[in-house]
Amino acid sequence: MDLDQLRCVLAIIQEKTYLDAAERLHRSQSSVSKSVRKLEEELGVEIFERTTRRVRLTPAGEDVMYYAAKILEDADGLYQSAEYHRTANQRDLRVGSIYFGMNNRLVPLLAEFMKQYPAMNVTMEESTTTPLLQRLEQRELDVVFVSSMYLQNGEHKNFSGDPRYISCSFSIDPYFVFVNRSHPLAGKKLLTYADLEGQRLITTDKTMDVYHTAIRSTLEAYGVHVSIATYCTNVRSVLHMVSQNVGIAILSKLVIEESDELVTIPLENPLIRDTQMVIRKQRTVPPHIHAFYQFIQTKGIAPPKNK
């Protein structure tokens, strides 16, 4: 038995399905199922009654849930106590962030924070949301800036609803359609999703799973079919391909570079990138992490206007 197996059990109970539990844990559904099966084999009992739609606890599973919650609460308390004492005089702050593009709002704030706390060593690295959250949970990063995506007129679901974290919105950016000036859509002032039917989409590589999931589910919801013209390793390459009129892109304005070849068109009911500052929820947040969190939070960055 290990803590990972117990976390899988509690996530399934809270999320009601294996798929939703896997998404919350940033794992594959098969690995969550494997962890639960292994625990059931070790204990010699079935924890869940499996149906085609939902899972339900067996009587034995009720007891497993009770003790799993207690064990995980005690384990988290132990880790947090040890971390607090280990970092009481910490001078190293490890920050992880998604890519913000040319209009990076975080770097100037990091510089300002470092001037206010000159004895603190701040390091920053860029990645994508899922690996950043994994490294936060593994205590390899102290603070991460990661994104949720949702439709402007839809449910605004972000990390504030996750009991593992403390979070606040850092920037809220609507997504636009980028096209070449000679593209047939270039003359439009506002696009509907129906306007994208049959278009060739230029997109980033599949490691940006939050972005790809949001784009795919939105297009499916609107019944729109596009083809992928190409995957690019970075946003700069995406914009270059759009400037060459290979296809269109759906991106935040934060990534735009000045170009006479690009036209930016707003979408009706656009996708919103809600980037949040996230730290682990602890009984006592270490002082250096608390100082940084409070510093960023009080800056109150206003979201850009969708125009």
C-alpha atoms as a PDB file:
ATOM      1  CA  MET A   1       0.000   0.000   0.000  1.00  0.00           C
ATOM      2  CA  ASP A   2       1.222   3.500  -0.758  1.00  0.00           C
ATOM      3  CA  LEU A   3      -0.134   7.044  -0.505  1.00  0.00           C
ATOM      4  CA  ASP A   4      -0.599   7.295  -4.259  1.00  0.00           C
ATOM      5  CA  GLN A   5      -3.120   4.442  -4.202  1.00  0.00           C
ATOM      6  CA  LEU A   6      -5.077   6.120  -1.405  1.00  0.00           C
ATOM      7  CA  ARG A   7      -5.121   9.440  -3.290  1.00  0.00           C
ATOM      8  CA  CYS A   8      -6.581   7.650  -6.308  1.00  0.00           C
ATOM      9  CA  VAL A   9      -9.371   6.151  -4.172  1.00  0.00           C
ATOM     10  CA  LEU A  10     -10.324   9.507  -2.651  1.00  0.00           C
ATOM     11  CA  ALA A  11     -10.183  11.276  -6.016  1.00  0.00           C
ATOM     12  CA  ILE A  12     -12.562   8.714  -7.533  1.00  0.00           C
ATOM     13  CA  ILE A  13     -14.971   9.130  -4.607  1.00  0.00           C
ATOM     14  CA  GLN A  14     -14.909  12.915  -4.891  1.00  0.00           C
ATOM     15  CA  GLU A  15     -15.078  13.109  -8.692  1.00  0.00           C
ATOM     16  CA  LYS A  16     -17.547  10.191  -9.141  1.00  0.00           C
ATOM     17  CA  THR A  17     -15.792   8.732 -12.222  1.00  0.00           C
ATOM     18  CA  TYR A  18     -12.362   7.310 -13.007  1.00  0.00           C
ATOM     19  CA  LEU A  19     -11.963   9.725 -15.919  1.00  0.00           C
ATOM     20  CA  ASP A  20     -12.636  12.834 -13.841  1.00  0.00           C
ATOM     21  CA  ALA A  21     -10.375  11.525 -11.079  1.00  0.00           C
ATOM     22  CA  ALA A  22      -7.574  10.980 -13.598  1.00  0.00           C
ATOM     23  CA  GLU A  23      -7.955  14.543 -14.914  1.00  0.00           C
ATOM     24  CA  ARG A  24      -7.803  15.945 -11.396  1.00  0.00           C
ATOM     25  CA  LEU A  25      -4.675  13.913 -10.610  1.00  0.00           C
ATOM     26  CA  HIS A  26      -3.099  14.784 -13.999  1.00  0.00           C
ATOM     27  CA  ARG A  27      -2.726  11.105 -14.829  1.00  0.00           C
ATOM     28  CA  SER A  28      -4.115   8.675 -17.357  1.00  0.00           C
ATOM     29  CA  GLN A  29      -7.313   6.809 -16.571  1.00  0.00           C
ATOM     30  CA  SER A  30      -5.523   3.472 -16.996  1.00  0.00           C
ATOM     31  CA  SER A  31      -2.860   4.336 -14.392  1.00  0.00           C
ATOM     32  CA  VAL A  32      -5.556   5.336 -11.865  1.00  0.00           C
ATOM     33  CA  SER A  33      -7.428   2.082 -12.506  1.00  0.00           C
ATOM     34  CA  LYS A  34      -4.202   0.111 -12.115  1.00  0.00           C
ATOM     35  CA  SER A  35      -3.441   1.763  -8.754  1.00  0.00           C
ATOM     36  CA  VAL A  36      -6.905   0.956  -7.423  1.00  0.00           C
ATOM     37  CA  ARG A  37      -6.776  -2.656  -8.639  1.00  0.00           C
ATOM     38  CA  LYS A  38      -3.393  -3.132  -6.986  1.00  0.00           C
ATOM     39  CA  LEU A  39      -4.723  -1.778  -3.689  1.00  0.00           C
ATOM     40  CA  GLU A  40      -7.776  -4.061  -3.899  1.00  0.00           C
ATOM     41  CA  GLU A  41      -5.487  -7.026  -4.507  1.00  0.00           C
ATOM     42  CA  GLU A  42      -3.313  -6.126  -1.514  1.00  0.00           C
ATOM     43  CA  LEU A  43      -6.313  -5.696   0.785  1.00  0.00           C
ATOM     44  CA  GLY A  44      -8.229  -8.676  -0.602  1.00  0.00           C
ATOM     45  CA  VAL A  45     -11.486  -6.697  -0.962  1.00  0.00           C
ATOM     46  CA  GLU A  46     -13.311  -4.750  -3.642  1.00  0.00           C
ATOM     47  CA  ILE A  47     -13.463  -1.030  -2.957  1.00  0.00           C
ATOM     48  CA  PHE A  48     -15.879   0.002  -5.714  1.00  0.00           C
ATOM     49  CA  GLU A  49     -18.988  -1.391  -7.347  1.00  0.00           C
ATOM     50  CA  ARG A  50     -18.351  -0.531 -10.977  1.00  0.00           C
ATOM     51  CA  THR A  51     -21.158   0.430 -13.345  1.00  0.00           C
ATOM     52  CA  THR A  52     -21.100   1.795 -16.871  1.00  0.00           C
ATOM     53  CA  ARG A  53     -21.628   5.362 -15.642  1.00  0.00           C
ATOM     54  CA  ARG A  54     -20.613   5.846 -12.019  1.00  0.00           C
ATOM     55  CA  VAL A  55     -18.692   4.099  -9.279  1.00  0.00           C
ATOM     56  CA  ARG A  56     -20.093   3.315  -5.844  1.00  0.00           C
ATOM     57  CA  LEU A  57     -18.320   2.262  -2.657  1.00  0.00           C
ATOM     58  CA  THR A  58     -18.760  -1.270  -1.353  1.00  0.00           C
ATOM     59  CA  PRO A  59     -19.195  -1.723   2.414  1.00  0.00           C
ATOM     60  CA  ALA A  60     -15.487  -2.536   2.597  1.00  0.00           C
ATOM     61  CA  GLY A  61     -14.809   0.519   0.461  1.00  0.00           C
ATOM     62  CA  GLU A  62     -16.576   2.715   3.035  1.00  0.00           C
ATOM     63  CA  ASP A  63     -14.018   1.625   5.628  1.00  0.00           C
ATOM     64  CA  VAL A  64     -11.144   2.059   3.175  1.00  0.00           C
ATOM     65  CA  MET A  65     -12.307   5.615   2.460  1.00  0.00           C
ATOM     66  CA  TYR A  66     -12.469   6.467   6.179  1.00  0.00           C
ATOM     67  CA  TYR A  67      -8.954   5.251   6.937  1.00  0.00           C
ATOM     68  CA  ALA A  68      -7.498   6.555   3.650  1.00  0.00           C
ATOM     69  CA  ALA A  69      -8.704  10.074   4.473  1.00  0.00           C
ATOM     70  CA  LYS A  70      -7.144   9.886   7.944  1.00  0.00           C
ATOM     71  CA  ILE A  71      -3.848   8.490   6.642  1.00  0.00           C
ATOM     72  CA  LEU A  72      -3.557  11.129   3.915  1.00  0.00           C
ATOM     73  CA  GLU A  73      -4.429  13.944   6.306  1.00  0.00           C
ATOM     74  CA  ASP A  74      -1.729  12.797   8.731  1.00  0.00           C
ATOM     75  CA  ALA A  75       0.792  12.292   5.910  1.00  0.00           C
ATOM     76  CA  ASP A  76       0.104  15.754   4.502  1.00  0.00           C
ATOM     77  CA  GLY A  77       0.464  17.222   7.979  1.00  0.00           C
ATOM     78  CA  LEU A  78       3.809  15.491   8.408  1.00  0.00           C
ATOM     79  CA  TYR A  79       5.094  16.728   5.049  1.00  0.00           C
ATOM     80  CA  GLN A  80       3.893  20.254   5.697  1.00  0.00           C
ATOM     81  CA  SER A  81       5.419  20.385   9.165  1.00  0.00           C
ATOM     82  CA  ALA A  82       8.757  19.130   7.857  1.00  0.00           C
ATOM     83  CA  GLU A  83       8.640  21.571   4.946  1.00  0.00           C
ATOM     84  CA  TYR A  84       7.845  24.496   7.196  1.00  0.00           C
ATOM     85  CA  HIS A  85      10.801  23.775   9.488  1.00  0.00           C
ATOM     86  CA  ARG A  86      13.097  23.053   6.548  1.00  0.00           C
ATOM     87  CA  THR A  87      12.181  26.298   4.790  1.00  0.00           C
ATOM     88  CA  ALA A  88      11.767  28.608   7.812  1.00  0.00           C
ATOM     89  CA  ASN A  89      14.889  30.477   6.746  1.00  0.00           C
ATOM     90  CA  GLN A  90      14.619  29.583   3.080  1.00  0.00           C
ATOM     91  CA  ARG A  91      16.135  31.976   0.586  1.00  0.00           C
ATOM     92  CA  ASP A  92      15.401  30.019  -2.591  1.00  0.00           C
ATOM     93  CA  LEU A  93      12.063  30.575  -4.345  1.00  0.00           C
ATOM     94  CA  ARG A  94      11.306  28.253  -7.269  1.00  0.00           C
ATOM     95  CA  VAL A  95       8.739  29.597  -9.715  1.00  0.00           C
ATOM     96  CA  GLY A  96       7.269  27.775 -12.696  1.00  0.00           C
ATOM     97  CA  SER A  97       5.230  29.421 -15.427  1.00  0.00           C
ATOM     98  CA  ILE A  98       3.488  28.780 -18.698  1.00  0.00           C
ATOM     99  CA  TYR A  99       4.720  30.705 -21.737  1.00  0.00           C
ATOM    100  CA  PHE A 100       3.342  34.262 -21.829  1.00  0.00           C
ATOM    101  CA  GLY A 101       4.889  35.376 -25.090  1.00  0.00           C
ATOM    102  CA  MET A 102       6.239  38.804 -25.962  1.00  0.00           C
ATOM    103  CA  ASN A 103       3.993  40.649 -23.493  1.00  0.00           C
ATOM    104  CA  ASN A 104       5.135  38.787 -20.391  1.00  0.00           C
ATOM    105  CA  ARG A 105       3.577  40.398 -17.315  1.00  0.00           C
ATOM    106  CA  LEU A 106       5.307  38.139 -14.832  1.00  0.00           C
ATOM    107  CA  VAL A 107       8.969  38.976 -15.485  1.00  0.00           C
ATOM    108  CA  PRO A 108       8.726  42.666 -14.471  1.00  0.00           C
ATOM    109  CA  LEU A 109       6.948  41.658 -11.264  1.00  0.00           C
ATOM    110  CA  LEU A 110       9.622  39.069 -10.497  1.00  0.00           C
ATOM    111  CA  ALA A 111      12.259  41.753 -10.954  1.00  0.00           C
ATOM    112  CA  GLU A 112      10.382  44.111  -8.623  1.00  0.00           C
ATOM    113  CA  PHE A 113       9.998  41.370  -6.012  1.00  0.00           C
ATOM    114  CA  MET A 114      13.713  40.548  -6.166  1.00  0.00           C
ATOM    115  CA  LYS A 115      14.557  44.228  -5.535  1.00  0.00           C
ATOM    116  CA  GLN A 116      12.341  44.213  -2.451  1.00  0.00           C
ATOM    117  CA  TYR A 117      13.843  40.919  -1.224  1.00  0.00           C
ATOM    118  CA  PRO A 118      17.490  41.087  -2.373  1.00  0.00           C
ATOM    119  CA  ALA A 119      18.573  38.196  -0.124  1.00  0.00           C
ATOM    120  CA  MET A 120      16.131  35.797  -1.789  1.00  0.00           C
ATOM    121  CA  ASN A 121      17.294  33.687  -4.726  1.00  0.00           C
ATOM    122  CA  VAL A 122      14.513  33.433  -7.295  1.00  0.00           C
ATOM    123  CA  THR A 123      14.607  30.961 -10.170  1.00  0.00           C
ATOM    124  CA  MET A 124      12.000  30.635 -12.908  1.00  0.00           C
ATOM    125  CA  GLU A 125      11.390  28.018 -15.554  1.00  0.00           C
ATOM    126  CA  GLU A 126       8.784  27.710 -18.304  1.00  0.00           C
ATOM    127  CA  SER A 127       6.737  24.646 -19.158  1.00  0.00           C
ATOM    128  CA  THR A 128       3.097  23.712 -19.699  1.00  0.00           C
ATOM    129  CA  THR A 129       0.293  23.392 -17.167  1.00  0.00           C
ATOM    130  CA  THR A 130       0.241  19.646 -16.456  1.00  0.00           C
ATOM    131  CA  PRO A 131       3.989  19.137 -15.807  1.00  0.00           C
ATOM    132  CA  LEU A 132       4.126  22.352 -13.762  1.00  0.00           C
ATOM    133  CA  LEU A 133       1.335  21.118 -11.484  1.00  0.00           C
ATOM    134  CA  GLN A 134       3.029  17.746 -11.159  1.00  0.00           C
ATOM    135  CA  ARG A 135       6.267  19.395 -10.074  1.00  0.00           C
ATOM    136  CA  LEU A 136       4.363  21.587  -7.605  1.00  0.00           C
ATOM    137  CA  GLU A 137       2.808  18.497  -6.030  1.00  0.00           C
ATOM    138  CA  GLN A 138       6.216  16.796  -5.929  1.00  0.00           C
ATOM    139  CA  ARG A 139       7.559  19.868  -4.076  1.00  0.00           C
ATOM    140  CA  GLU A 140      10.057  20.635  -6.831  1.00  0.00           C
ATOM    141  CA  LEU A 141       8.451  24.054  -7.388  1.00  0.00           C
ATOM    142  CA  ASP A 142       7.052  26.488  -4.814  1.00  0.00           C
ATOM    143  CA  VAL A 143       4.711  28.571  -6.976  1.00  0.00           C
ATOM    144  CA  VAL A 144       3.331  27.936 -10.458  1.00  0.00           C
ATOM    145  CA  PHE A 145       1.447  30.071 -12.969  1.00  0.00           C
ATOM    146  CA  VAL A 146      -0.838  27.689 -14.860  1.00  0.00           C
ATOM    147  CA  SER A 147      -3.948  27.997 -16.980  1.00  0.00           C
ATOM    148  CA  SER A 148      -7.514  26.832 -17.201  1.00  0.00           C
ATOM    149  CA  MET A 149      -9.534  27.515 -20.339  1.00  0.00           C
ATOM    150  CA  TYR A 150     -13.269  28.027 -20.709  1.00  0.00           C
ATOM    151  CA  LEU A 151     -15.762  29.804 -22.926  1.00  0.00           C
ATOM    152  CA  GLN A 152     -16.552  33.367 -21.922  1.00  0.00           C
ATOM    153  CA  ASN A 153     -20.259  32.539 -21.638  1.00  0.00           C
ATOM    154  CA  GLY A 154     -19.693  29.110 -20.112  1.00  0.00           C
ATOM    155  CA  GLU A 155     -18.786  27.752 -16.685  1.00  0.00           C
ATOM    156  CA  HIS A 156     -15.688  29.532 -15.360  1.00  0.00           C
ATOM    157  CA  LYS A 157     -13.930  26.509 -13.902  1.00  0.00           C
ATOM    158  CA  ASN A 158     -10.384  27.028 -12.612  1.00  0.00           C
ATOM    159  CA  PHE A 159      -8.058  25.876  -9.832  1.00  0.00           C
ATOM    160  CA  SER A 160      -9.930  27.729  -7.094  1.00  0.00           C
ATOM    161  CA  GLY A 161     -12.231  24.718  -6.799  1.00  0.00           C
ATOM    162  CA  ASP A 162      -9.415  22.237  -6.206  1.00  0.00           C
ATOM    163  CA  PRO A 163      -8.995  21.475  -2.460  1.00  0.00           C
ATOM    164  CA  ARG A 164      -5.275  20.775  -2.894  1.00  0.00           C
ATOM    165  CA  TYR A 165      -4.410  24.345  -3.834  1.00  0.00           C
ATOM    166  CA  ILE A 166      -4.547  28.006  -2.899  1.00  0.00           C
ATOM    167  CA  SER A 167      -4.881  30.100  -6.033  1.00  0.00           C
ATOM    168  CA  CYS A 168      -5.848  33.458  -7.503  1.00  0.00           C
ATOM    169  CA  SER A 169      -6.218  34.689 -11.078  1.00  0.00           C
ATOM    170  CA  PHE A 170      -3.126  36.379 -12.470  1.00  0.00           C
ATOM    171  CA  SER A 171      -4.285  37.200 -15.991  1.00  0.00           C
ATOM    172  CA  ILE A 172      -7.449  36.572 -17.992  1.00  0.00           C
ATOM    173  CA  ASP A 173      -6.938  36.638 -21.742  1.00  0.00           C
ATOM    174  CA  PRO A 174      -9.510  36.090 -24.504  1.00  0.00           C
ATOM    175  CA  TYR A 175      -8.372  34.106 -27.518  1.00  0.00           C
ATOM    176  CA  PHE A 176      -8.506  35.584 -31.014  1.00  0.00           C
ATOM    177  CA  VAL A 177      -8.226  34.236 -34.541  1.00  0.00           C
ATOM    178  CA  PHE A 178      -5.004  35.152 -36.359  1.00  0.00           C
ATOM    179  CA  VAL A 179      -4.985  35.151 -40.169  1.00  0.00           C
ATOM    180  CA  ASN A 180      -2.857  36.433 -43.022  1.00  0.00           C
ATOM    181  CA  ARG A 181      -3.957  39.778 -44.515  1.00  0.00           C
ATOM    182  CA  SER A 182      -4.829  38.077 -47.789  1.00  0.00           C
ATOM    183  CA  HIS A 183      -6.930  35.361 -46.103  1.00  0.00           C
ATOM    184  CA  PRO A 184     -10.684  35.351 -46.967  1.00  0.00           C
ATOM    185  CA  LEU A 185     -11.547  35.926 -43.286  1.00  0.00           C
ATOM    186  CA  ALA A 186      -9.253  38.953 -42.937  1.00  0.00           C
ATOM    187  CA  GLY A 187     -11.974  41.497 -43.727  1.00  0.00           C
ATOM    188  CA  LYS A 188     -14.352  40.361 -40.966  1.00  0.00           C
ATOM    189  CA  LYS A 189     -14.699  42.393 -37.776  1.00  0.00           C
ATOM    190  CA  LEU A 190     -16.083  39.510 -35.701  1.00  0.00           C
ATOM    191  CA  LEU A 191     -16.057  35.769 -36.285  1.00  0.00           C
ATOM    192  CA  THR A 192     -18.447  33.053 -35.213  1.00  0.00           C
ATOM    193  CA  TYR A 193     -17.263  29.484 -34.805  1.00  0.00           C
ATOM    194  CA  ALA A 194     -19.293  28.573 -37.879  1.00  0.00           C
ATOM    195  CA  ASP A 195     -16.946  30.852 -39.862  1.00  0.00           C
ATOM    196  CA  LEU A 196     -14.103  28.458 -39.008  1.00  0.00           C
ATOM    197  CA  GLU A 197     -15.722  25.484 -40.702  1.00  0.00           C
ATOM    198  CA  GLY A 198     -13.255  23.774 -43.065  1.00  0.00           C
ATOM    199  CA  GLN A 199     -10.324  25.997 -42.103  1.00  0.00           C
ATOM    200  CA  ARG A 200      -6.784  24.709 -41.730  1.00  0.00           C
ATOM    201  CA  LEU A 201      -5.580  25.245 -38.167  1.00  0.00           C
ATOM    202  CA  ILE A 202      -1.952  25.854 -37.234  1.00  0.00           C
ATOM    203  CA  THR A 203      -1.342  24.913 -33.644  1.00  0.00           C
ATOM    204  CA  THR A 204       1.277  24.265 -30.996  1.00  0.00           C
ATOM    205  CA  ASP A 205       2.529  20.790 -30.210  1.00  0.00           C
ATOM    206  CA  LYS A 206       0.437  18.357 -28.184  1.00  0.00           C
ATOM    207  CA  THR A 207       2.294  18.967 -24.899  1.00  0.00           C
ATOM    208  CA  MET A 208      -0.015  21.975 -24.424  1.00  0.00           C
ATOM    209  CA  ASP A 209      -2.806  19.603 -23.428  1.00  0.00           C
ATOM    210  CA  VAL A 210      -5.048  22.190 -21.703  1.00  0.00           C
ATOM    211  CA  TYR A 211      -5.082  24.303 -24.876  1.00  0.00           C
ATOM    212  CA  HIS A 212      -5.716  21.365 -27.198  1.00  0.00           C
ATOM    213  CA  THR A 213      -8.502  19.962 -25.016  1.00  0.00           C
ATOM    214  CA  ALA A 214     -10.231  23.354 -24.899  1.00  0.00           C
ATOM    215  CA  ILE A 215      -9.962  23.926 -28.665  1.00  0.00           C
ATOM    216  CA  ARG A 216     -11.168  20.418 -29.487  1.00  0.00           C
ATOM    217  CA  SER A 217     -14.129  20.445 -27.091  1.00  0.00           C
ATOM    218  CA  THR A 218     -15.216  23.937 -28.205  1.00  0.00           C
ATOM    219  CA  LEU A 219     -15.172  23.080 -31.901  1.00  0.00           C
ATOM    220  CA  GLU A 220     -17.038  19.837 -31.187  1.00  0.00           C
ATOM    221  CA  ALA A 221     -19.644  21.717 -29.130  1.00  0.00           C
ATOM    222  CA  TYR A 222     -20.264  24.077 -32.046  1.00  0.00           C
ATOM    223  CA  GLY A 223     -20.229  21.235 -34.587  1.00  0.00           C
ATOM    224  CA  VAL A 224     -17.314  22.784 -36.457  1.00  0.00           C
ATOM    225  CA  HIS A 225     -14.757  20.721 -38.362  1.00  0.00           C
ATOM    226  CA  VAL A 226     -11.232  21.960 -39.050  1.00  0.00           C
ATOM    227  CA  SER A 227      -8.116  20.219 -40.254  1.00  0.00           C
ATOM    228  CA  ILE A 228      -4.699  20.536 -38.648  1.00  0.00           C
ATOM    229  CA  ALA A 229      -2.331  22.117 -41.132  1.00  0.00           C
ATOM    230  CA  THR A 230       0.714  21.573 -38.914  1.00  0.00           C
ATOM    231  CA  TYR A 231       1.902  21.341 -35.319  1.00  0.00           C
ATOM    232  CA  CYS A 232       4.654  23.776 -34.327  1.00  0.00           C
ATOM    233  CA  THR A 233       7.083  23.471 -31.428  1.00  0.00           C
ATOM    234  CA  ASN A 234       6.534  27.071 -30.293  1.00  0.00           C
ATOM    235  CA  VAL A 235       4.131  29.983 -30.693  1.00  0.00           C
ATOM    236  CA  ARG A 236       6.592  32.034 -32.728  1.00  0.00           C
ATOM    237  CA  SER A 237       6.604  29.307 -35.385  1.00  0.00           C
ATOM    238  CA  VAL A 238       2.793  29.225 -35.362  1.00  0.00           C
ATOM    239  CA  LEU A 239       2.645  32.949 -36.094  1.00  0.00           C
ATOM    240  CA  HIS A 240       5.279  32.625 -38.811  1.00  0.00           C
ATOM    241  CA  MET A 241       3.226  29.921 -40.533  1.00  0.00           C
ATOM    242  CA  VAL A 242       0.111  32.127 -40.327  1.00  0.00           C
ATOM    243  CA  SER A 243       2.065  35.011 -41.849  1.00  0.00           C
ATOM    244  CA  GLN A 244       2.903  32.665 -44.746  1.00  0.00           C
ATOM    245  CA  ASN A 245      -0.854  32.014 -45.200  1.00  0.00           C
ATOM    246  CA  VAL A 246      -0.566  28.307 -44.480  1.00  0.00           C
ATOM    247  CA  GLY A 247      -3.633  28.445 -42.215  1.00  0.00           C
ATOM    248  CA  ILE A 248      -5.198  30.216 -39.232  1.00  0.00           C
ATOM    249  CA  ALA A 249      -4.380  30.154 -35.515  1.00  0.00           C
ATOM    250  CA  ILE A 250      -6.400  30.648 -32.310  1.00  0.00           C
ATOM    251  CA  LEU A 251      -4.216  32.326 -29.692  1.00  0.00           C
ATOM    252  CA  SER A 252      -4.001  34.978 -26.996  1.00  0.00           C
ATOM    253  CA  LYS A 253      -2.929  38.492 -27.988  1.00  0.00           C
ATOM    254  CA  LEU A 254      -0.155  38.207 -25.395  1.00  0.00           C
ATOM    255  CA  VAL A 255       1.884  36.142 -27.841  1.00  0.00           C
ATOM    256  CA  ILE A 256       1.586  38.494 -30.815  1.00  0.00           C
ATOM    257  CA  GLU A 257       4.629  39.993 -32.454  1.00  0.00           C
ATOM    258  CA  GLU A 258       4.460  43.022 -34.699  1.00  0.00           C
ATOM    259  CA  SER A 259       3.857  41.926 -38.272  1.00  0.00           C
ATOM    260  CA  ASP A 260       2.347  43.605 -41.304  1.00  0.00           C
ATOM    261  CA  GLU A 261       1.155  40.190 -42.478  1.00  0.00           C
ATOM    262  CA  LEU A 262      -1.107  39.328 -39.521  1.00  0.00           C
ATOM    263  CA  VAL A 263      -4.709  40.294 -38.823  1.00  0.00           C
ATOM    264  CA  THR A 264      -6.288  39.653 -35.411  1.00  0.00           C
ATOM    265  CA  ILE A 265     -10.060  39.038 -35.323  1.00  0.00           C
ATOM    266  CA  PRO A 266     -12.176  38.613 -32.163  1.00  0.00           C
ATOM    267  CA  LEU A 267     -14.429  35.587 -31.733  1.00  0.00           C
ATOM    268  CA  GLU A 268     -18.018  35.631 -30.575  1.00  0.00           C
ATOM    269  CA  ASN A 269     -18.029  33.890 -27.170  1.00  0.00           C
ATOM    270  CA  PRO A 270     -14.229  33.490 -27.173  1.00  0.00           C
ATOM    271  CA  LEU A 271     -12.207  30.969 -25.263  1.00  0.00           C
ATOM    272  CA  ILE A 272     -10.682  32.540 -22.160  1.00  0.00           C
ATOM    273  CA  ARG A 273      -7.273  31.634 -20.788  1.00  0.00           C
ATOM    274  CA  ASP A 274      -7.488  32.073 -17.024  1.00  0.00           C
ATOM    275  CA  THR A 275      -3.917  31.956 -15.749  1.00  0.00           C
ATOM    276  CA  GLN A 276      -3.707  31.466 -12.016  1.00  0.00           C
ATOM    277  CA  MET A 277      -0.951  31.666  -9.431  1.00  0.00           C
ATOM    278  CA  VAL A 278      -1.102  28.376  -7.538  1.00  0.00           C
ATOM    279  CA  ILE A 279       0.585  27.119  -4.368  1.00  0.00           C
ATOM    280  CA  ARG A 280       0.007  23.977  -2.319  1.00  0.00           C
ATOM    281  CA  LYS A 281      -2.562  24.240   0.455  1.00  0.00           C
ATOM    282  CA  GLN A 282      -0.770  23.841   3.785  1.00  0.00           C
ATOM    283  CA  ARG A 283      -1.520  24.435   7.441  1.00  0.00           C
ATOM    284  CA  THR A 284       1.245  27.028   7.458  1.00  0.00           C
ATOM    285  CA  VAL A 285       2.600  28.385   4.167  1.00  0.00           C
ATOM    286  CA  PRO A 286       6.394  28.889   4.384  1.00  0.00           C
ATOM    287  CA  PRO A 287       7.253  32.590   4.837  1.00  0.00           C
ATOM    288  CA  HIS A 288       9.129  33.037   1.546  1.00  0.00           C
ATOM    289  CA  ILE A 289       6.252  31.528  -0.468  1.00  0.00           C
ATOM    290  CA  HIS A 290       3.685  33.556   1.462  1.00  0.00           C
ATOM    291  CA  ALA A 291       5.636  36.774   0.831  1.00  0.00           C
ATOM    292  CA  PHE A 292       5.713  36.156  -2.923  1.00  0.00           C
ATOM    293  CA  TYR A 293       2.061  35.101  -3.096  1.00  0.00           C
ATOM    294  CA  GLN A 294       0.961  38.215  -1.242  1.00  0.00           C
ATOM    295  CA  PHE A 295       3.179  40.433  -3.384  1.00  0.00           C
ATOM    296  CA  ILE A 296       1.700  39.179  -6.662  1.00  0.00           C
ATOM    297  CA  GLN A 297      -1.847  39.099  -5.316  1.00  0.00           C
ATOM    298  CA  THR A 298      -1.784  42.731  -4.233  1.00  0.00           C
ATOM    299  CA  LYS A 299      -0.697  43.889  -7.687  1.00  0.00           C
ATOM    300  CA  GLY A 300      -4.225  43.296  -8.919  1.00  0.00           C
ATOM    301  CA  ILE A 301      -3.451  42.927 -12.618  1.00  0.00           C
ATOM    302  CA  ALA A 302      -6.487  43.973 -14.624  1.00  0.00           C
ATOM    303  CA  PRO A 303      -7.585  41.604 -17.408  1.00  0.00           C
ATOM    304  CA  PRO A 304      -7.146  42.946 -20.955  1.00  0.00           C
ATOM    305  CA  LYS A 305     -10.191  44.132 -22.859  1.00  0.00           C
ATOM    306  CA  ASN A 306     -11.566  41.927 -25.618  1.00  0.00           C
ATOM    307  CA  LYS A 307     -11.403  44.172 -28.626  1.00  0.00           C
END
